[in-house]
Protein backbone atom coordinates (compact mmCIF):
# COMPACT_ATOMS: atom_id res chain seq x y z
CA UNK A 1 -123.28 -8.72 -33.40
CA UNK A 2 -120.70 -9.60 -30.76
CA UNK A 3 -117.73 -11.77 -31.71
CA UNK A 4 -115.60 -13.27 -28.97
CA UNK A 5 -112.11 -14.41 -29.79
CA UNK A 6 -110.24 -16.62 -27.38
CA UNK A 7 -106.49 -16.93 -27.62
CA UNK A 8 -104.24 -19.43 -25.94
CA UNK A 9 -100.68 -18.51 -25.11
CA UNK A 10 -98.29 -21.40 -24.93
CA UNK A 11 -94.96 -21.12 -23.15
CA UNK A 12 -92.53 -23.88 -24.07
CA UNK A 13 -90.84 -25.57 -21.16
CA UNK A 14 -87.42 -27.09 -21.68
CA UNK A 15 -87.22 -29.88 -19.14
CA UNK A 16 -85.20 -33.02 -19.63
CA UNK A 17 -87.10 -36.08 -20.77
CA UNK A 18 -85.53 -38.10 -17.98
CA UNK A 19 -87.32 -36.07 -15.33
CA UNK A 20 -90.72 -35.62 -16.96
CA UNK A 21 -92.39 -37.63 -19.69
CA UNK A 22 -92.95 -35.20 -22.57
CA UNK A 23 -96.55 -36.35 -23.02
CA UNK A 24 -97.34 -35.13 -19.52
CA UNK A 25 -97.25 -31.66 -17.99
CA UNK A 26 -94.60 -30.31 -15.66
CA UNK A 27 -96.39 -31.98 -12.73
CA UNK A 28 -96.23 -35.45 -14.28
CA UNK A 29 -99.61 -37.18 -14.06
CA UNK A 30 -100.89 -34.51 -11.65
CA UNK A 31 -102.97 -31.69 -13.10
CA UNK A 32 -101.57 -28.95 -10.86
CA UNK A 33 -99.16 -28.22 -8.05
CA UNK A 34 -102.09 -28.47 -5.60
CA UNK A 35 -102.77 -32.06 -6.71
CA UNK A 36 -99.07 -32.91 -6.41
CA UNK A 37 -99.00 -31.38 -2.92
CA UNK A 38 -102.10 -33.34 -1.84
CA UNK A 39 -100.61 -36.60 -3.15
CA UNK A 40 -97.39 -35.88 -1.24
CA UNK A 41 -99.31 -35.24 2.00
CA UNK A 42 -101.25 -38.47 1.45
CA UNK A 43 -97.99 -40.41 0.93
CA UNK A 44 -96.66 -38.97 4.20
CA UNK A 45 -99.82 -40.04 6.08
CA UNK A 46 -99.53 -43.55 4.63
CA UNK A 47 -95.81 -43.75 5.34
CA UNK A 48 -95.17 -44.51 1.65
CA UNK A 49 -91.55 -43.34 1.34
CA UNK A 50 -91.22 -44.66 -2.23
CA UNK A 51 -94.15 -42.51 -3.36
CA UNK A 52 -92.77 -39.53 -1.42
CA UNK A 53 -89.45 -39.82 -3.30
CA UNK A 54 -91.27 -40.08 -6.64
CA UNK A 55 -93.34 -36.98 -5.84
CA UNK A 56 -90.27 -35.07 -4.62
CA UNK A 57 -88.58 -35.76 -7.98
CA UNK A 58 -91.61 -34.33 -9.78
CA UNK A 59 -91.63 -31.40 -7.35
CA UNK A 60 -87.93 -30.67 -8.04
CA UNK A 61 -88.23 -30.86 -11.81
CA UNK A 62 -91.43 -28.80 -11.90
CA UNK A 63 -89.88 -26.08 -9.72
CA UNK A 64 -86.85 -26.01 -12.03
CA UNK A 65 -89.21 -25.70 -15.02
CA UNK A 66 -91.15 -22.86 -13.38
CA UNK A 67 -87.91 -21.01 -12.61
CA UNK A 68 -86.72 -21.52 -16.18
CA UNK A 69 -89.97 -20.11 -17.58
CA UNK A 70 -89.37 -16.94 -15.57
CA UNK A 71 -85.74 -16.69 -16.63
CA UNK A 72 -86.73 -16.95 -20.32
CA UNK A 73 -89.00 -13.92 -20.15
CA UNK A 74 -87.48 -10.81 -21.65
CA UNK A 75 -87.09 -8.33 -18.84
CA UNK A 76 -87.72 -4.63 -19.43
CA UNK A 77 -84.67 -2.39 -19.51
CA UNK A 78 -84.75 -0.83 -16.07
CA UNK A 79 -82.20 1.35 -14.43
CA UNK A 80 -79.67 -1.15 -13.04
CA UNK A 81 -79.37 0.93 -9.88
CA UNK A 82 -80.06 -1.17 -6.80
CA UNK A 83 -82.39 1.54 -5.47
CA UNK A 84 -84.80 0.90 -8.35
CA UNK A 85 -85.34 -2.68 -7.17
CA UNK A 86 -85.48 -1.72 -3.50
CA UNK A 87 -88.21 0.79 -4.36
CA UNK A 88 -90.15 -1.99 -6.16
CA UNK A 89 -90.33 -4.11 -2.99
CA UNK A 90 -93.65 -2.59 -1.74
CA UNK A 91 -95.30 -3.66 -5.01
CA UNK A 92 -94.86 -7.26 -3.92
CA UNK A 93 -94.64 -7.37 -0.13
CA UNK A 94 -96.15 -5.47 2.79
CA UNK A 95 -93.03 -6.08 4.91
CA UNK A 96 -89.73 -7.88 4.98
CA UNK A 97 -87.42 -8.51 7.92
CA UNK A 98 -84.92 -10.97 9.25
CA UNK A 99 -86.12 -12.73 12.40
CA UNK A 100 -84.46 -15.16 14.79
CA UNK A 101 -86.48 -18.33 15.27
CA UNK A 102 -85.80 -21.51 17.21
CA UNK A 103 -84.39 -23.22 14.10
CA UNK A 104 -82.35 -20.22 12.88
CA UNK A 105 -82.60 -16.91 11.06
CA UNK A 106 -85.45 -16.44 8.59
CA UNK A 107 -86.32 -13.69 6.14
CA UNK A 108 -90.05 -13.10 6.69
CA UNK A 109 -91.90 -11.54 3.78
CA UNK A 110 -95.48 -10.29 4.02
CA UNK A 111 -97.15 -11.53 0.82
CA UNK A 112 -100.34 -9.81 -0.28
CA UNK A 113 -100.56 -11.16 -3.84
CA UNK A 114 -102.68 -14.24 -4.50
CA UNK A 115 -101.29 -14.79 -7.99
CA UNK A 116 -97.68 -14.33 -9.10
CA UNK A 117 -97.09 -14.15 -12.84
CA UNK A 118 -93.66 -15.09 -14.19
CA UNK A 119 -92.83 -11.38 -14.47
CA UNK A 120 -93.95 -10.81 -10.87
CA UNK A 121 -91.66 -13.63 -9.75
CA UNK A 122 -88.66 -12.14 -11.56
CA UNK A 123 -89.31 -8.63 -10.30
CA UNK A 124 -90.30 -9.75 -6.80
CA UNK A 125 -87.12 -11.80 -6.45
CA UNK A 126 -85.01 -8.91 -7.79
CA UNK A 127 -86.55 -6.59 -5.19
CA UNK A 128 -85.96 -9.04 -2.32
CA UNK A 129 -82.39 -9.67 -3.42
CA UNK A 130 -81.60 -5.96 -3.80
CA UNK A 131 -83.13 -5.11 -0.43
CA UNK A 132 -81.68 -7.91 1.71
CA UNK A 133 -78.66 -9.59 0.06
CA UNK A 134 -76.18 -7.17 1.65
CA UNK A 135 -77.29 -8.24 5.14
CA UNK A 136 -74.94 -10.38 7.19
CA UNK A 137 -77.93 -12.74 7.66
CA UNK A 138 -78.12 -13.47 3.92
CA UNK A 139 -76.67 -16.83 2.88
CA UNK A 140 -77.24 -19.62 0.33
CA UNK A 141 -78.69 -17.41 -2.40
CA UNK A 142 -79.65 -20.28 -4.72
CA UNK A 143 -81.66 -22.08 -2.03
CA UNK A 144 -83.32 -18.82 -0.97
CA UNK A 145 -84.30 -18.21 -4.60
CA UNK A 146 -85.74 -21.74 -4.81
CA UNK A 147 -87.72 -21.10 -1.60
CA UNK A 148 -88.98 -17.82 -3.06
CA UNK A 149 -90.17 -19.46 -6.29
CA UNK A 150 -91.67 -22.36 -4.35
CA UNK A 151 -93.74 -19.96 -2.25
CA UNK A 152 -94.79 -18.05 -5.39
CA UNK A 153 -96.43 -21.18 -6.82
CA UNK A 154 -100.16 -20.85 -7.27
CA UNK A 155 -100.98 -23.24 -4.43
CA UNK A 156 -98.97 -21.31 -1.86
CA UNK A 157 -99.25 -17.73 -3.04
CA UNK A 158 -103.03 -17.78 -2.66
CA UNK A 159 -102.97 -18.97 0.96
CA UNK A 160 -99.60 -17.96 2.45
CA UNK A 161 -99.68 -14.45 3.90
CA UNK A 162 -96.11 -14.80 5.14
CA UNK A 163 -93.24 -16.42 3.31
CA UNK A 164 -90.16 -17.46 5.23
CA UNK A 165 -86.90 -17.78 3.35
CA UNK A 166 -84.35 -19.52 5.51
CA UNK A 167 -80.76 -18.59 4.64
CA UNK A 168 -79.33 -21.39 6.79
CA UNK A 169 -80.82 -24.09 4.54
CA UNK A 170 -78.50 -25.90 2.15
CA UNK A 171 -81.33 -27.87 0.48
CA UNK A 172 -85.09 -27.57 0.23
CA UNK A 173 -88.15 -29.80 -0.15
CA UNK A 174 -89.69 -28.58 -3.45
CA UNK A 175 -93.22 -29.43 -2.33
CA UNK A 176 -93.34 -27.99 1.18
CA UNK A 177 -90.77 -25.21 0.47
CA UNK A 178 -88.80 -26.22 3.59
């Protein structure tokens, strides 16, 4: 006789009630980031700026919630040496380099993972930071981290082979990652 046991793991998300109704998920009335993204693109096509602003607010609060989930995970006790994290970089990216583009410098990262767990996001970010933060091209760490987490969302990670973190940005659209 074969018995199958299914377990559900629930991760609490501490997000303010003013940004998301507690009876809804982190994406408001949308079932996933992909649905939120599609609704945002539809609002752009229709020129509905009010809807765009509403969706951007959900995008911002859901990205904050996703980043908080990752920060709440207990990290293993690794050697704090920067070389440890630099050596972890190939576990997450096939390449990384600063490039000059028409709109400014970008850190291009070759993503080969289609799914990024919360632990992958923490460790991937740590490896990127350790490898590139000492560069003179590095700037606006908080926005670069937001761009990183935005790209690591399920909707993007599965389709984006290259992530571009732009150190010149001082703000970011939480739905398009730009």
